[in-house]
């Protein structure tokens, strides 16, 4: 017997993804005169958002330590929040020192490097699929400083956010 897929609701998504989901859903529902191309574009953008939001994170599934898997899910679900080493270590029930060493052993990256990479990956998706300004994307992926976002983005991709979008 086939089981019906779970209903996808904004409550199942992180806050950043939920706001994108709501925006795209409202645009599709409210637009009736724009033609097929606009609707298809909006449907594809919504599909891309949902794919990223509901994807199983391979790095999480490959990690044996359940505490580290929980932290990775926490990071991805709270990218827009002010993530601190203390909050992540507390969630893993470890000291900051032990948590940092365990996290790096499990993922190959420090917690800071991992958070930056996750935020940059989300930003790349938003740059490819939306017309949001770089400043808005910066805010949506958890950065408070546009300059720091630009520096981290260029270090990770080799291009500025604007140049990356223009590709």
Foldseek 3Di string as FASTA:
>chain_A
DDDDDDDDALVLFAPLLSVVLVVLVCCLVPDDPDDDVVNVLSVVLNVLSVCVGPPDDVLLVPFDDVLLSVLLVVLLNPQQPDDDLVVSCVSSVHPSVVVQVVNCVSRVDGPVVSSLVSLLVQLLSCLQRHPDDLVVSCNSRHHPDSVVNQVSNCVVPVDGSVVSSVD
